[in-house]
Amino acid sequence: MKIGIYKDTFANNRGADIAVKNLAAGLEERGHAVTLFDKSQFAEKIRGDYDALISTGTNEILDLAKVDGLPPIIQQFHTDPRYPFRHWIKRWRRNRAIKAALKKAAVFQILREEHVDTLQKLIGVSKDKIIVIGNWSCFEDCTRAIPEEKIILCPGAINADKNQILLVDTFESVADEFSDWQVHIYGRGKPKDEAALLKRISAQGLSDRILLKGFTDLCEPYAKCAFVAFPSKTEGFGMVILDAAMFKKTSLTICDWIGCGESVSPSDFAEALRRLMSDADYRHRLGERSFEYCKAHYSRKMILDKWEYLLSRMIP
């Protein structure tokens, strides 16, 4: 099958960027002809000889909706479907445009069963046009095992939605109890967001304990950290949670994104952080459970089998 996958930008090689590249490579390995392109290649690639197109977000479907005569479109949601509508809540014209554009999709691929009702209510799509498919980790075959260090890992773009402030403030409240622990934040953000976070860290006297690491290959950080803290308010799947599980590390979150790790309310974040830092047996048990859960629900083979079923259903 000839498949076009459109993502408007590959800006930071995190989260959805990795998931889209994984999907393209996985479908190619199964014999499909895949063309992966971004906005800079849109005019050149959009009229290709495709059996199906995959739109990887709401920006993408807005672009595709402007082009007539396209093959069937599969619309992906890498976040909770409510997020793009809430994000543009004050921009009703664009919100309506997204709803209108989404109606042109032949099928919707979402990440969790809980998103089905949300999507139906938002745009009135029938349930038979929705299929639940997750992602798989690029670290699925990782066998690296090194002694853990007293590091809390927090990957993700630096901004209010990713909620690093909750982690910083919570760590400050327990820092004196755990004087040999550090927090490593991997990711970048707008200069003003990074500056604001650094200012907060400095004001709390934690500049040597909470470190902003920028971008890097996360294999070693996952391998050596004790656990992952991911207090994001908007991330619908949490690739970082799945990646952590592949290293048998648990994640502390404020939403149960994929069914593993420990999920607590923001008011209970400090207590949960303290429990994970103080009880190695507890966090190791959670890490093992996360690994087994993700291996059973988000394996590469399972995800690709679901994609091939979806594609065959669209084009017998």
C-alpha atoms as a PDB file:
ATOM      1  CA  MET A   1       0.000   0.000   0.000  1.00  0.00           C
ATOM      2  CA  LYS A   2       1.169   3.557  -0.753  1.00  0.00           C
ATOM      3  CA  ILE A   3       0.850   5.773   2.306  1.00  0.00           C
ATOM      4  CA  GLY A   4       1.575   9.474   2.799  1.00  0.00           C
ATOM      5  CA  ILE A   5       2.222  10.663   6.362  1.00  0.00           C
ATOM      6  CA  TYR A   6       2.067  14.414   6.913  1.00  0.00           C
ATOM      7  CA  LYS A   7       3.431  16.193  10.004  1.00  0.00           C
ATOM      8  CA  ASP A   8       3.737  19.949   9.767  1.00  0.00           C
ATOM      9  CA  THR A   9       7.087  20.084  11.572  1.00  0.00           C
ATOM     10  CA  PHE A  10       9.675  17.894  13.257  1.00  0.00           C
ATOM     11  CA  ALA A  11      10.816  20.583  15.651  1.00  0.00           C
ATOM     12  CA  ASN A  12      12.319  18.811  18.618  1.00  0.00           C
ATOM     13  CA  ASN A  13      12.398  15.040  18.004  1.00  0.00           C
ATOM     14  CA  ARG A  14      10.331  14.314  21.086  1.00  0.00           C
ATOM     15  CA  GLY A  15       6.944  12.742  21.773  1.00  0.00           C
ATOM     16  CA  ALA A  16       4.769  12.808  18.668  1.00  0.00           C
ATOM     17  CA  ASP A  17       7.798  13.432  16.411  1.00  0.00           C
ATOM     18  CA  ILE A  18       9.325  10.116  17.485  1.00  0.00           C
ATOM     19  CA  ALA A  19       5.999   8.293  17.317  1.00  0.00           C
ATOM     20  CA  VAL A  20       5.396   9.443  13.734  1.00  0.00           C
ATOM     21  CA  LYS A  21       8.904   8.469  12.618  1.00  0.00           C
ATOM     22  CA  ASN A  22       8.518   5.084  14.337  1.00  0.00           C
ATOM     23  CA  LEU A  23       5.250   4.489  12.510  1.00  0.00           C
ATOM     24  CA  ALA A  24       6.699   5.408   9.123  1.00  0.00           C
ATOM     25  CA  ALA A  25       9.686   3.093   9.623  1.00  0.00           C
ATOM     26  CA  GLY A  26       7.513   0.264  10.953  1.00  0.00           C
ATOM     27  CA  LEU A  27       5.093   0.369   8.015  1.00  0.00           C
ATOM     28  CA  GLU A  28       7.998   0.449   5.577  1.00  0.00           C
ATOM     29  CA  GLU A  29       9.461  -2.652   7.220  1.00  0.00           C
ATOM     30  CA  ARG A  30       6.145  -4.385   6.553  1.00  0.00           C
ATOM     31  CA  GLY A  31       6.372  -3.666   2.848  1.00  0.00           C
ATOM     32  CA  HIS A  32       4.338  -0.473   2.517  1.00  0.00           C
ATOM     33  CA  ALA A  33       5.609   2.431   0.434  1.00  0.00           C
ATOM     34  CA  VAL A  34       5.662   5.344   2.886  1.00  0.00           C
ATOM     35  CA  THR A  35       6.261   9.005   2.106  1.00  0.00           C
ATOM     36  CA  LEU A  36       6.846  11.074   5.251  1.00  0.00           C
ATOM     37  CA  PHE A  37       6.782  14.827   4.656  1.00  0.00           C
ATOM     38  CA  ASP A  38       6.519  18.128   6.527  1.00  0.00           C
ATOM     39  CA  LYS A  39       5.104  21.556   5.707  1.00  0.00           C
ATOM     40  CA  SER A  40       8.159  22.621   3.700  1.00  0.00           C
ATOM     41  CA  GLN A  41       7.483  19.686   1.327  1.00  0.00           C
ATOM     42  CA  PHE A  42       3.699  19.931   1.345  1.00  0.00           C
ATOM     43  CA  ALA A  43       3.172  21.445  -2.118  1.00  0.00           C
ATOM     44  CA  GLU A  44       5.601  18.960  -3.669  1.00  0.00           C
ATOM     45  CA  LYS A  45       4.393  15.797  -1.909  1.00  0.00           C
ATOM     46  CA  ILE A  46       0.659  16.203  -1.329  1.00  0.00           C
ATOM     47  CA  ARG A  47      -0.328  15.120  -4.836  1.00  0.00           C
ATOM     48  CA  GLY A  48       1.569  11.852  -4.639  1.00  0.00           C
ATOM     49  CA  ASP A  49       0.129   8.506  -5.694  1.00  0.00           C
ATOM     50  CA  TYR A  50      -1.245   7.466  -2.284  1.00  0.00           C
ATOM     51  CA  ASP A  51      -3.820   4.901  -1.241  1.00  0.00           C
ATOM     52  CA  ALA A  52      -4.237   6.699   2.088  1.00  0.00           C
ATOM     53  CA  LEU A  53      -2.959   9.754   3.927  1.00  0.00           C
ATOM     54  CA  ILE A  54      -2.222   9.983   7.644  1.00  0.00           C
ATOM     55  CA  SER A  55      -2.735  13.393   9.232  1.00  0.00           C
ATOM     56  CA  THR A  56      -0.755  13.528  12.485  1.00  0.00           C
ATOM     57  CA  GLY A  57      -2.524  16.436  14.208  1.00  0.00           C
ATOM     58  CA  THR A  58      -5.032  19.260  13.960  1.00  0.00           C
ATOM     59  CA  ASN A  59      -2.628  21.670  12.220  1.00  0.00           C
ATOM     60  CA  GLU A  60      -2.137  18.973   9.599  1.00  0.00           C
ATOM     61  CA  ILE A  61      -5.821  18.340   8.919  1.00  0.00           C
ATOM     62  CA  LEU A  62      -6.358  22.087   8.469  1.00  0.00           C
ATOM     63  CA  ASP A  63      -3.755  22.027   5.681  1.00  0.00           C
ATOM     64  CA  LEU A  64      -5.141  18.853   4.105  1.00  0.00           C
ATOM     65  CA  ALA A  65      -8.713  20.151   4.185  1.00  0.00           C
ATOM     66  CA  LYS A  66      -7.728  22.909   1.755  1.00  0.00           C
ATOM     67  CA  VAL A  67      -6.811  20.359  -0.940  1.00  0.00           C
ATOM     68  CA  ASP A  68      -9.480  18.660  -3.048  1.00  0.00           C
ATOM     69  CA  GLY A  69      -9.390  15.146  -4.481  1.00  0.00           C
ATOM     70  CA  LEU A  70      -7.252  13.502  -1.809  1.00  0.00           C
ATOM     71  CA  PRO A  71      -7.397   9.784  -0.913  1.00  0.00           C
ATOM     72  CA  PRO A  72      -8.948   8.680   2.426  1.00  0.00           C
ATOM     73  CA  ILE A  73      -7.403  10.465   5.427  1.00  0.00           C
ATOM     74  CA  ILE A  74      -6.654   8.880   8.788  1.00  0.00           C
ATOM     75  CA  GLN A  75      -6.649  11.547  11.496  1.00  0.00           C
ATOM     76  CA  GLN A  76      -4.339  10.877  14.456  1.00  0.00           C
ATOM     77  CA  PHE A  77      -4.700  12.347  17.922  1.00  0.00           C
ATOM     78  CA  HIS A  78      -1.467  12.253  19.936  1.00  0.00           C
ATOM     79  CA  THR A  79      -3.192  14.093  22.766  1.00  0.00           C
ATOM     80  CA  ASP A  80      -6.566  13.933  24.448  1.00  0.00           C
ATOM     81  CA  PRO A  81      -8.919  15.217  21.694  1.00  0.00           C
ATOM     82  CA  ARG A  82     -10.164  17.947  24.034  1.00  0.00           C
ATOM     83  CA  TYR A  83      -6.762  19.584  24.152  1.00  0.00           C
ATOM     84  CA  PRO A  84      -6.628  21.351  20.753  1.00  0.00           C
ATOM     85  CA  PHE A  85     -10.138  22.698  21.260  1.00  0.00           C
ATOM     86  CA  ARG A  86      -9.405  23.956  24.773  1.00  0.00           C
ATOM     87  CA  HIS A  87      -6.075  25.335  23.588  1.00  0.00           C
ATOM     88  CA  TRP A  88      -7.846  27.523  21.025  1.00  0.00           C
ATOM     89  CA  ILE A  89     -10.897  28.244  23.160  1.00  0.00           C
ATOM     90  CA  LYS A  90     -10.586  32.019  22.614  1.00  0.00           C
ATOM     91  CA  ARG A  91     -10.095  31.617  18.873  1.00  0.00           C
ATOM     92  CA  TRP A  92     -13.534  30.373  17.895  1.00  0.00           C
ATOM     93  CA  ARG A  93     -13.019  30.913  14.184  1.00  0.00           C
ATOM     94  CA  ARG A  94     -10.101  28.510  14.155  1.00  0.00           C
ATOM     95  CA  ASN A  95     -11.916  26.131  16.474  1.00  0.00           C
ATOM     96  CA  ARG A  96     -14.809  25.916  14.011  1.00  0.00           C
ATOM     97  CA  ALA A  97     -12.325  25.481  11.192  1.00  0.00           C
ATOM     98  CA  ILE A  98     -10.782  22.491  12.972  1.00  0.00           C
ATOM     99  CA  LYS A  99     -14.183  20.883  13.472  1.00  0.00           C
ATOM    100  CA  ALA A 100     -15.051  21.383   9.810  1.00  0.00           C
ATOM    101  CA  ALA A 101     -11.683  20.037   8.669  1.00  0.00           C
ATOM    102  CA  LEU A 102     -11.912  16.963  10.904  1.00  0.00           C
ATOM    103  CA  LYS A 103     -15.202  15.995   9.301  1.00  0.00           C
ATOM    104  CA  LYS A 104     -13.207  15.308   6.119  1.00  0.00           C
ATOM    105  CA  ALA A 105     -11.279  12.489   7.789  1.00  0.00           C
ATOM    106  CA  ALA A 106     -12.339   8.958   6.866  1.00  0.00           C
ATOM    107  CA  VAL A 107     -11.106   7.386  10.117  1.00  0.00           C
ATOM    108  CA  PHE A 108      -9.835   8.659  13.480  1.00  0.00           C
ATOM    109  CA  GLN A 109      -6.976   6.981  15.354  1.00  0.00           C
ATOM    110  CA  ILE A 110      -6.907   7.766  19.048  1.00  0.00           C
ATOM    111  CA  LEU A 111      -4.690   6.616  21.880  1.00  0.00           C
ATOM    112  CA  ARG A 112      -7.077   5.498  24.596  1.00  0.00           C
ATOM    113  CA  GLU A 113     -10.568   4.017  24.789  1.00  0.00           C
ATOM    114  CA  GLU A 114     -11.571   6.883  27.092  1.00  0.00           C
ATOM    115  CA  HIS A 115     -11.131   9.299  24.188  1.00  0.00           C
ATOM    116  CA  VAL A 116     -13.898   7.732  22.067  1.00  0.00           C
ATOM    117  CA  ASP A 117     -16.801   9.484  23.796  1.00  0.00           C
ATOM    118  CA  THR A 118     -14.841  12.750  23.913  1.00  0.00           C
ATOM    119  CA  LEU A 119     -14.267  12.711  20.172  1.00  0.00           C
ATOM    120  CA  GLN A 120     -17.882  11.827  19.437  1.00  0.00           C
ATOM    121  CA  LYS A 121     -19.129  14.741  21.544  1.00  0.00           C
ATOM    122  CA  LEU A 122     -16.669  17.217  20.047  1.00  0.00           C
ATOM    123  CA  ILE A 123     -17.354  16.651  16.359  1.00  0.00           C
ATOM    124  CA  GLY A 124     -20.229  14.162  16.172  1.00  0.00           C
ATOM    125  CA  VAL A 125     -18.196  11.365  14.572  1.00  0.00           C
ATOM    126  CA  SER A 126     -19.716   7.891  14.618  1.00  0.00           C
ATOM    127  CA  LYS A 127     -18.034   5.218  16.722  1.00  0.00           C
ATOM    128  CA  ASP A 128     -17.380   2.957  13.724  1.00  0.00           C
ATOM    129  CA  LYS A 129     -14.986   5.601  12.352  1.00  0.00           C
ATOM    130  CA  ILE A 130     -12.774   5.514  15.472  1.00  0.00           C
ATOM    131  CA  ILE A 131     -10.040   3.004  16.242  1.00  0.00           C
ATOM    132  CA  VAL A 132      -7.854   2.872  19.361  1.00  0.00           C
ATOM    133  CA  ILE A 133      -4.144   2.412  18.599  1.00  0.00           C
ATOM    134  CA  GLY A 134      -1.214   3.421  20.816  1.00  0.00           C
ATOM    135  CA  ASN A 135       2.459   3.957  20.068  1.00  0.00           C
ATOM    136  CA  TRP A 136       5.546   1.947  20.888  1.00  0.00           C
ATOM    137  CA  SER A 137       8.798   3.033  22.459  1.00  0.00           C
ATOM    138  CA  CYS A 138      11.978   3.483  20.462  1.00  0.00           C
ATOM    139  CA  PHE A 139      13.667   1.789  23.462  1.00  0.00           C
ATOM    140  CA  GLU A 140      11.547  -1.374  23.187  1.00  0.00           C
ATOM    141  CA  ASP A 141      14.559  -3.623  22.606  1.00  0.00           C
ATOM    142  CA  CYS A 142      16.777  -1.900  25.166  1.00  0.00           C
ATOM    143  CA  THR A 143      18.679  -4.343  27.381  1.00  0.00           C
ATOM    144  CA  ARG A 144      20.899  -1.799  29.086  1.00  0.00           C
ATOM    145  CA  ALA A 145      21.040  -2.126  32.873  1.00  0.00           C
ATOM    146  CA  ILE A 146      23.223   0.126  35.025  1.00  0.00           C
ATOM    147  CA  PRO A 147      23.032   0.967  38.738  1.00  0.00           C
ATOM    148  CA  GLU A 148      20.414   3.636  39.328  1.00  0.00           C
ATOM    149  CA  GLU A 149      21.383   7.040  40.642  1.00  0.00           C
ATOM    150  CA  LYS A 150      19.350   9.323  42.883  1.00  0.00           C
ATOM    151  CA  ILE A 151      18.004  11.289  39.950  1.00  0.00           C
ATOM    152  CA  ILE A 152      14.413  12.202  39.122  1.00  0.00           C
ATOM    153  CA  LEU A 153      14.076  12.514  35.353  1.00  0.00           C
ATOM    154  CA  CYS A 154      11.623  14.976  33.785  1.00  0.00           C
ATOM    155  CA  PRO A 155      11.642  14.989  29.945  1.00  0.00           C
ATOM    156  CA  GLY A 156       9.404  17.344  27.995  1.00  0.00           C
ATOM    157  CA  ALA A 157       9.198  20.779  26.431  1.00  0.00           C
ATOM    158  CA  ILE A 158       9.485  23.524  29.042  1.00  0.00           C
ATOM    159  CA  ASN A 159       6.178  25.341  29.320  1.00  0.00           C
ATOM    160  CA  ALA A 160       3.194  25.769  31.621  1.00  0.00           C
ATOM    161  CA  ASP A 161       1.310  22.841  30.092  1.00  0.00           C
ATOM    162  CA  LYS A 162       4.136  20.453  30.926  1.00  0.00           C
ATOM    163  CA  ASN A 163       3.881  21.769  34.490  1.00  0.00           C
ATOM    164  CA  GLN A 164       7.551  21.610  35.506  1.00  0.00           C
ATOM    165  CA  ILE A 165       6.726  24.256  38.126  1.00  0.00           C
ATOM    166  CA  LEU A 166       4.757  21.670  40.114  1.00  0.00           C
ATOM    167  CA  LEU A 167       7.801  19.408  40.156  1.00  0.00           C
ATOM    168  CA  VAL A 168      10.162  22.248  41.132  1.00  0.00           C
ATOM    169  CA  ASP A 169       7.933  23.472  43.952  1.00  0.00           C
ATOM    170  CA  THR A 170       7.285  19.950  45.200  1.00  0.00           C
ATOM    171  CA  PHE A 171      10.951  19.017  45.172  1.00  0.00           C
ATOM    172  CA  GLU A 172      11.740  22.192  47.118  1.00  0.00           C
ATOM    173  CA  SER A 173       9.330  21.037  49.836  1.00  0.00           C
ATOM    174  CA  VAL A 174      11.210  17.735  50.323  1.00  0.00           C
ATOM    175  CA  ALA A 175      14.740  18.745  49.311  1.00  0.00           C
ATOM    176  CA  ASP A 176      16.067  18.989  52.861  1.00  0.00           C
ATOM    177  CA  GLU A 177      14.937  15.416  53.593  1.00  0.00           C
ATOM    178  CA  PHE A 178      16.713  14.055  50.497  1.00  0.00           C
ATOM    179  CA  SER A 179      19.920  16.070  50.288  1.00  0.00           C
ATOM    180  CA  ASP A 180      21.642  13.675  47.849  1.00  0.00           C
ATOM    181  CA  TRP A 181      18.869  13.687  45.227  1.00  0.00           C
ATOM    182  CA  GLN A 182      18.689  15.779  42.040  1.00  0.00           C
ATOM    183  CA  VAL A 183      16.082  16.584  39.381  1.00  0.00           C
ATOM    184  CA  HIS A 184      17.192  16.583  35.730  1.00  0.00           C
ATOM    185  CA  ILE A 185      14.852  18.340  33.301  1.00  0.00           C
ATOM    186  CA  TYR A 186      15.450  17.432  29.640  1.00  0.00           C
ATOM    187  CA  GLY A 187      13.820  19.618  27.006  1.00  0.00           C
ATOM    188  CA  ARG A 188      13.731  23.141  25.674  1.00  0.00           C
ATOM    189  CA  GLY A 189      11.128  25.874  25.571  1.00  0.00           C
ATOM    190  CA  LYS A 190      10.702  29.468  24.580  1.00  0.00           C
ATOM    191  CA  PRO A 191      13.484  31.606  26.087  1.00  0.00           C
ATOM    192  CA  LYS A 192      11.034  33.360  28.393  1.00  0.00           C
ATOM    193  CA  ASP A 193       9.697  30.014  29.680  1.00  0.00           C
ATOM    194  CA  GLU A 194      13.195  28.671  30.325  1.00  0.00           C
ATOM    195  CA  ALA A 195      14.216  31.922  32.019  1.00  0.00           C
ATOM    196  CA  ALA A 196      11.134  31.868  34.252  1.00  0.00           C
ATOM    197  CA  LEU A 197      11.813  28.282  35.309  1.00  0.00           C
ATOM    198  CA  LEU A 198      15.479  28.997  36.019  1.00  0.00           C
ATOM    199  CA  LYS A 199      14.493  32.057  38.055  1.00  0.00           C
ATOM    200  CA  ARG A 200      12.112  29.946  40.144  1.00  0.00           C
ATOM    201  CA  ILE A 201      14.772  27.284  40.709  1.00  0.00           C
ATOM    202  CA  SER A 202      17.319  29.923  41.733  1.00  0.00           C
ATOM    203  CA  ALA A 203      14.879  31.684  44.072  1.00  0.00           C
ATOM    204  CA  GLN A 204      14.409  28.424  45.946  1.00  0.00           C
ATOM    205  CA  GLY A 205      18.155  27.900  46.259  1.00  0.00           C
ATOM    206  CA  LEU A 206      18.129  24.738  44.144  1.00  0.00           C
ATOM    207  CA  SER A 207      20.376  25.671  41.222  1.00  0.00           C
ATOM    208  CA  ASP A 208      22.762  22.834  42.092  1.00  0.00           C
ATOM    209  CA  ARG A 209      19.933  20.322  42.619  1.00  0.00           C
ATOM    210  CA  ILE A 210      17.523  20.972  39.727  1.00  0.00           C
ATOM    211  CA  LEU A 211      19.379  21.005  36.418  1.00  0.00           C
ATOM    212  CA  LEU A 212      18.102  21.980  32.971  1.00  0.00           C
ATOM    213  CA  LYS A 213      19.816  19.629  30.529  1.00  0.00           C
ATOM    214  CA  GLY A 214      18.466  20.745  27.143  1.00  0.00           C
ATOM    215  CA  PHE A 215      18.257  18.107  24.390  1.00  0.00           C
ATOM    216  CA  THR A 216      20.176  14.852  24.258  1.00  0.00           C
ATOM    217  CA  ASP A 217      19.790  11.159  23.545  1.00  0.00           C
ATOM    218  CA  LEU A 218      17.725  10.015  26.519  1.00  0.00           C
ATOM    219  CA  CYS A 219      18.899   6.396  26.613  1.00  0.00           C
ATOM    220  CA  GLU A 220      21.479   6.955  29.346  1.00  0.00           C
ATOM    221  CA  PRO A 221      19.285   9.317  31.429  1.00  0.00           C
ATOM    222  CA  TYR A 222      16.468   6.753  31.457  1.00  0.00           C
ATOM    223  CA  ALA A 223      18.890   3.953  32.294  1.00  0.00           C
ATOM    224  CA  LYS A 224      20.430   5.670  35.309  1.00  0.00           C
ATOM    225  CA  CYS A 225      17.517   7.630  36.803  1.00  0.00           C
ATOM    226  CA  ALA A 226      15.527   6.309  39.771  1.00  0.00           C
ATOM    227  CA  PHE A 227      12.139   7.245  38.315  1.00  0.00           C
ATOM    228  CA  VAL A 228      10.405   9.724  36.033  1.00  0.00           C
ATOM    229  CA  ALA A 229       8.243  12.632  37.192  1.00  0.00           C
ATOM    230  CA  PHE A 230       5.933  13.803  34.419  1.00  0.00           C
ATOM    231  CA  PRO A 231       3.365  16.249  35.855  1.00  0.00           C
ATOM    232  CA  SER A 232       2.048  17.336  32.436  1.00  0.00           C
ATOM    233  CA  LYS A 233      -1.484  18.709  32.251  1.00  0.00           C
ATOM    234  CA  THR A 234      -2.014  18.133  28.536  1.00  0.00           C
ATOM    235  CA  GLU A 235       0.100  15.308  27.145  1.00  0.00           C
ATOM    236  CA  GLY A 236      -2.354  12.688  25.941  1.00  0.00           C
ATOM    237  CA  PHE A 237      -0.075   9.690  25.682  1.00  0.00           C
ATOM    238  CA  GLY A 238       3.115  10.457  27.493  1.00  0.00           C
ATOM    239  CA  MET A 239       5.808   8.834  25.368  1.00  0.00           C
ATOM    240  CA  VAL A 240       8.141   9.469  28.278  1.00  0.00           C
ATOM    241  CA  ILE A 241       6.076   7.124  30.475  1.00  0.00           C
ATOM    242  CA  LEU A 242       6.275   4.330  27.929  1.00  0.00           C
ATOM    243  CA  ASP A 243       9.993   4.949  27.397  1.00  0.00           C
ATOM    244  CA  ALA A 244      10.617   4.837  31.149  1.00  0.00           C
ATOM    245  CA  ALA A 245       8.771   1.528  31.401  1.00  0.00           C
ATOM    246  CA  MET A 246      11.130  -0.022  28.862  1.00  0.00           C
ATOM    247  CA  PHE A 247      13.926   0.624  31.369  1.00  0.00           C
ATOM    248  CA  LYS A 248      11.719  -0.786  34.163  1.00  0.00           C
ATOM    249  CA  LYS A 249      11.379   2.665  35.667  1.00  0.00           C
ATOM    250  CA  THR A 250       8.085   3.932  37.010  1.00  0.00           C
ATOM    251  CA  SER A 251       6.571   7.364  36.373  1.00  0.00           C
ATOM    252  CA  LEU A 252       4.824   9.783  38.695  1.00  0.00           C
ATOM    253  CA  THR A 253       2.059  11.687  36.898  1.00  0.00           C
ATOM    254  CA  ILE A 254      -1.043  13.753  37.642  1.00  0.00           C
ATOM    255  CA  CYS A 255      -3.122  11.919  35.026  1.00  0.00           C
ATOM    256  CA  ASP A 256      -3.273   8.206  34.226  1.00  0.00           C
ATOM    257  CA  TRP A 257      -2.155   8.551  30.610  1.00  0.00           C
ATOM    258  CA  ILE A 258      -1.452   4.918  29.711  1.00  0.00           C
ATOM    259  CA  GLY A 259      -2.455   2.794  32.693  1.00  0.00           C
ATOM    260  CA  CYS A 260       0.849   2.340  34.510  1.00  0.00           C
ATOM    261  CA  GLY A 261       3.033   4.065  37.063  1.00  0.00           C
ATOM    262  CA  GLU A 262       1.599   6.167  39.891  1.00  0.00           C
ATOM    263  CA  SER A 263      -0.966   8.880  39.224  1.00  0.00           C
ATOM    264  CA  VAL A 264      -1.927  11.373  41.931  1.00  0.00           C
ATOM    265  CA  SER A 265      -3.599  14.757  42.267  1.00  0.00           C
ATOM    266  CA  PRO A 266      -1.320  17.819  42.342  1.00  0.00           C
ATOM    267  CA  SER A 267      -2.065  18.211  46.067  1.00  0.00           C
ATOM    268  CA  ASP A 268      -0.693  14.699  46.702  1.00  0.00           C
ATOM    269  CA  PHE A 269       2.364  15.089  44.466  1.00  0.00           C
ATOM    270  CA  ALA A 270       4.759  15.826  47.331  1.00  0.00           C
ATOM    271  CA  GLU A 271       3.680  12.782  49.319  1.00  0.00           C
ATOM    272  CA  ALA A 272       4.023  10.531  46.266  1.00  0.00           C
ATOM    273  CA  LEU A 273       7.420  12.021  45.409  1.00  0.00           C
ATOM    274  CA  ARG A 274       8.601  11.380  48.973  1.00  0.00           C
ATOM    275  CA  ARG A 275       7.360   7.775  48.843  1.00  0.00           C
ATOM    276  CA  LEU A 276       9.170   7.024  45.593  1.00  0.00           C
ATOM    277  CA  MET A 277      12.391   8.652  46.765  1.00  0.00           C
ATOM    278  CA  SER A 278      12.448   6.870  50.124  1.00  0.00           C
ATOM    279  CA  ASP A 279      11.307   3.360  49.163  1.00  0.00           C
ATOM    280  CA  ALA A 280      13.497   1.703  46.529  1.00  0.00           C
ATOM    281  CA  ASP A 281      11.594  -1.599  46.723  1.00  0.00           C
ATOM    282  CA  TYR A 282       8.322   0.193  46.070  1.00  0.00           C
ATOM    283  CA  ARG A 283       9.558   2.088  43.019  1.00  0.00           C
ATOM    284  CA  HIS A 284      11.233  -1.039  41.635  1.00  0.00           C
ATOM    285  CA  ARG A 285       7.977  -3.001  41.966  1.00  0.00           C
ATOM    286  CA  LEU A 286       6.118  -0.226  40.156  1.00  0.00           C
ATOM    287  CA  GLY A 287       8.818  -0.176  37.480  1.00  0.00           C
ATOM    288  CA  GLU A 288       8.485  -3.919  36.891  1.00  0.00           C
ATOM    289  CA  ARG A 289       4.694  -3.611  36.675  1.00  0.00           C
ATOM    290  CA  SER A 290       4.983  -0.719  34.225  1.00  0.00           C
ATOM    291  CA  PHE A 291       7.345  -2.748  32.053  1.00  0.00           C
ATOM    292  CA  GLU A 292       5.038  -5.776  31.975  1.00  0.00           C
ATOM    293  CA  TYR A 293       1.971  -3.637  31.292  1.00  0.00           C
ATOM    294  CA  CYS A 294       3.548  -1.717  28.421  1.00  0.00           C
ATOM    295  CA  LYS A 295       5.072  -4.878  26.942  1.00  0.00           C
ATOM    296  CA  ALA A 296       1.582  -6.419  26.914  1.00  0.00           C
ATOM    297  CA  HIS A 297      -0.303  -3.379  25.556  1.00  0.00           C
ATOM    298  CA  TYR A 298       2.172  -1.323  23.510  1.00  0.00           C
ATOM    299  CA  SER A 299       4.497  -3.727  21.739  1.00  0.00           C
ATOM    300  CA  ARG A 300       5.771  -2.834  18.277  1.00  0.00           C
ATOM    301  CA  LYS A 301       4.179  -5.910  16.696  1.00  0.00           C
ATOM    302  CA  MET A 302       0.810  -5.282  18.326  1.00  0.00           C
ATOM    303  CA  ILE A 303       0.673  -1.639  17.260  1.00  0.00           C
ATOM    304  CA  LEU A 304       1.699  -2.399  13.671  1.00  0.00           C
ATOM    305  CA  ASP A 305      -0.849  -5.225  13.475  1.00  0.00           C
ATOM    306  CA  LYS A 306      -3.564  -2.735  14.475  1.00  0.00           C
ATOM    307  CA  TRP A 307      -2.363  -0.244  11.859  1.00  0.00           C
ATOM    308  CA  GLU A 308      -2.393  -2.868   9.136  1.00  0.00           C
ATOM    309  CA  TYR A 309      -5.913  -3.873  10.170  1.00  0.00           C
ATOM    310  CA  LEU A 310      -6.995  -0.228   9.935  1.00  0.00           C
ATOM    311  CA  LEU A 311      -5.406   0.213   6.510  1.00  0.00           C
ATOM    312  CA  SER A 312      -6.961  -3.004   5.171  1.00  0.00           C
ATOM    313  CA  ARG A 313     -10.350  -1.911   6.484  1.00  0.00           C
ATOM    314  CA  MET A 314     -10.069   1.367   4.598  1.00  0.00           C
ATOM    315  CA  ILE A 315      -8.782  -0.148   1.362  1.00  0.00           C
ATOM    316  CA  PRO A 316      -9.591  -3.912   1.095  1.00  0.00           C
END
